[in-house]
Amino acid sequence: MPEITFIETPAGRHLKSRVDAVMAIYKQHGHVNRNLISDKLKLTMLQSSQLLREFLNAHAPVLEWDNFKNGYKAHSKFKVYSSGAPDSSPLI
């Protein structure tokens, strides 16, 4: 049986760099989904799904699904405070 090899992309070398790559897309667009990751990083849909899963595992407590943007975004309660700490003054 022939050996299966996978193409290693720059986003696929280290977990932190992969999560950081998705975070950069999130910061640029305000949300993130599989199609956006695939387009921006020139990955297949399967690779972008794996990358999105890693991102979700790293940031699960503060993310929620947004039906209007069809992607994940920071939870509304997370964005209330300027530094993310509950004792900070609210942005409102």
C-alpha atoms as a PDB file:
ATOM      1  CA  MET A   1       0.000   0.000   0.000  1.00  0.00           C
ATOM      2  CA  PRO A   2       1.440   3.444  -0.883  1.00  0.00           C
ATOM      3  CA  GLU A   3       2.320   5.790   1.932  1.00  0.00           C
ATOM      4  CA  ILE A   4      -0.115   8.698   2.330  1.00  0.00           C
ATOM      5  CA  THR A   5       1.536  12.080   2.701  1.00  0.00           C
ATOM      6  CA  PHE A   6      -0.062  15.376   3.554  1.00  0.00           C
ATOM      7  CA  ILE A   7       1.006  18.810   2.400  1.00  0.00           C
ATOM      8  CA  GLU A   8       2.280  20.817   5.330  1.00  0.00           C
ATOM      9  CA  THR A   9       1.148  24.424   5.186  1.00  0.00           C
ATOM     10  CA  PRO A  10       2.598  27.326   7.183  1.00  0.00           C
ATOM     11  CA  ALA A  11      -0.591  27.347   9.282  1.00  0.00           C
ATOM     12  CA  GLY A  12      -0.164  23.652  10.023  1.00  0.00           C
ATOM     13  CA  ARG A  13       3.257  23.630  11.726  1.00  0.00           C
ATOM     14  CA  HIS A  14       2.443  24.488  15.327  1.00  0.00           C
ATOM     15  CA  LEU A  15      -0.807  24.637  17.246  1.00  0.00           C
ATOM     16  CA  LYS A  16      -0.193  28.148  18.570  1.00  0.00           C
ATOM     17  CA  SER A  17       0.620  29.541  15.142  1.00  0.00           C
ATOM     18  CA  ARG A  18      -2.485  27.841  13.715  1.00  0.00           C
ATOM     19  CA  VAL A  19      -4.727  29.302  16.408  1.00  0.00           C
ATOM     20  CA  ASP A  20      -3.041  32.704  15.971  1.00  0.00           C
ATOM     21  CA  ALA A  21      -3.686  32.553  12.217  1.00  0.00           C
ATOM     22  CA  VAL A  22      -7.410  32.036  12.836  1.00  0.00           C
ATOM     23  CA  MET A  23      -7.398  34.787  15.495  1.00  0.00           C
ATOM     24  CA  ALA A  24      -5.951  37.206  12.923  1.00  0.00           C
ATOM     25  CA  ILE A  25      -8.826  36.369  10.558  1.00  0.00           C
ATOM     26  CA  TYR A  26     -11.306  36.836  13.419  1.00  0.00           C
ATOM     27  CA  LYS A  27      -9.846  40.250  14.302  1.00  0.00           C
ATOM     28  CA  GLN A  28      -9.976  41.350  10.654  1.00  0.00           C
ATOM     29  CA  HIS A  29     -13.571  40.232   9.996  1.00  0.00           C
ATOM     30  CA  GLY A  30     -15.208  40.179  13.444  1.00  0.00           C
ATOM     31  CA  HIS A  31     -16.226  36.539  13.010  1.00  0.00           C
ATOM     32  CA  VAL A  32     -14.731  33.312  11.721  1.00  0.00           C
ATOM     33  CA  ASN A  33     -16.056  30.279   9.860  1.00  0.00           C
ATOM     34  CA  ARG A  34     -14.725  27.418   7.761  1.00  0.00           C
ATOM     35  CA  ASN A  35     -15.183  29.180   4.412  1.00  0.00           C
ATOM     36  CA  LEU A  36     -13.393  32.316   5.588  1.00  0.00           C
ATOM     37  CA  ILE A  37     -10.438  30.279   6.892  1.00  0.00           C
ATOM     38  CA  SER A  38     -10.275  28.322   3.651  1.00  0.00           C
ATOM     39  CA  ASP A  39     -10.279  31.464   1.509  1.00  0.00           C
ATOM     40  CA  LYS A  40      -7.791  33.477   3.558  1.00  0.00           C
ATOM     41  CA  LEU A  41      -5.247  30.696   4.216  1.00  0.00           C
ATOM     42  CA  LYS A  42      -5.713  28.863   0.893  1.00  0.00           C
ATOM     43  CA  LEU A  43      -6.619  25.586   2.630  1.00  0.00           C
ATOM     44  CA  THR A  44      -8.976  22.800   1.664  1.00  0.00           C
ATOM     45  CA  MET A  45     -12.329  22.657   3.452  1.00  0.00           C
ATOM     46  CA  LEU A  46     -11.139  19.650   5.469  1.00  0.00           C
ATOM     47  CA  GLN A  47      -7.998  21.492   6.601  1.00  0.00           C
ATOM     48  CA  SER A  48     -10.017  24.602   7.462  1.00  0.00           C
ATOM     49  CA  SER A  49     -12.471  22.456   9.477  1.00  0.00           C
ATOM     50  CA  GLN A  50      -9.605  21.012  11.500  1.00  0.00           C
ATOM     51  CA  LEU A  51      -8.170  24.470  12.052  1.00  0.00           C
ATOM     52  CA  LEU A  52     -11.553  25.838  13.143  1.00  0.00           C
ATOM     53  CA  ARG A  53     -11.914  22.948  15.603  1.00  0.00           C
ATOM     54  CA  GLU A  54      -8.519  23.780  17.131  1.00  0.00           C
ATOM     55  CA  PHE A  55      -9.499  27.441  17.396  1.00  0.00           C
ATOM     56  CA  LEU A  56     -12.811  26.552  19.031  1.00  0.00           C
ATOM     57  CA  ASN A  57     -11.079  24.283  21.548  1.00  0.00           C
ATOM     58  CA  ALA A  58      -8.681  27.082  22.486  1.00  0.00           C
ATOM     59  CA  HIS A  59     -11.366  29.782  22.832  1.00  0.00           C
ATOM     60  CA  ALA A  60     -14.583  27.862  23.571  1.00  0.00           C
ATOM     61  CA  PRO A  61     -15.656  29.758  26.730  1.00  0.00           C
ATOM     62  CA  VAL A  62     -15.935  33.091  24.914  1.00  0.00           C
ATOM     63  CA  LEU A  63     -17.292  32.037  21.515  1.00  0.00           C
ATOM     64  CA  GLU A  64     -20.844  31.652  20.273  1.00  0.00           C
ATOM     65  CA  TRP A  65     -22.465  30.911  16.925  1.00  0.00           C
ATOM     66  CA  ASP A  66     -23.829  33.941  15.054  1.00  0.00           C
ATOM     67  CA  ASN A  67     -26.694  33.037  12.699  1.00  0.00           C
ATOM     68  CA  PHE A  68     -26.555  36.385  10.912  1.00  0.00           C
ATOM     69  CA  LYS A  69     -22.870  36.136   9.967  1.00  0.00           C
ATOM     70  CA  ASN A  70     -22.931  32.332   9.693  1.00  0.00           C
ATOM     71  CA  GLY A  71     -19.808  32.074  11.847  1.00  0.00           C
ATOM     72  CA  TYR A  72     -18.392  32.177  15.361  1.00  0.00           C
ATOM     73  CA  LYS A  73     -17.842  35.420  17.265  1.00  0.00           C
ATOM     74  CA  ALA A  74     -16.990  36.454  20.814  1.00  0.00           C
ATOM     75  CA  HIS A  75     -19.885  36.144  23.239  1.00  0.00           C
ATOM     76  CA  SER A  76     -21.616  39.463  23.909  1.00  0.00           C
ATOM     77  CA  LYS A  77     -20.854  39.286  27.662  1.00  0.00           C
ATOM     78  CA  PHE A  78     -17.154  38.900  26.864  1.00  0.00           C
ATOM     79  CA  LYS A  79     -17.036  42.219  24.993  1.00  0.00           C
ATOM     80  CA  VAL A  80     -18.652  44.285  27.789  1.00  0.00           C
ATOM     81  CA  TYR A  81     -15.373  44.954  29.624  1.00  0.00           C
ATOM     82  CA  SER A  82     -12.420  46.794  28.125  1.00  0.00           C
ATOM     83  CA  SER A  83      -9.709  44.411  29.369  1.00  0.00           C
ATOM     84  CA  GLY A  84     -11.873  41.323  29.724  1.00  0.00           C
ATOM     85  CA  ALA A  85     -11.580  41.465  33.527  1.00  0.00           C
ATOM     86  CA  PRO A  86     -14.884  41.727  35.433  1.00  0.00           C
ATOM     87  CA  ASP A  87     -13.584  44.490  37.717  1.00  0.00           C
ATOM     88  CA  SER A  88     -12.787  46.833  34.804  1.00  0.00           C
ATOM     89  CA  SER A  89     -15.110  49.670  33.948  1.00  0.00           C
ATOM     90  CA  PRO A  90     -17.696  48.751  31.289  1.00  0.00           C
ATOM     91  CA  LEU A  91     -17.402  50.135  27.779  1.00  0.00           C
ATOM     92  CA  ILE A  92     -21.064  51.143  27.715  1.00  0.00           C
END
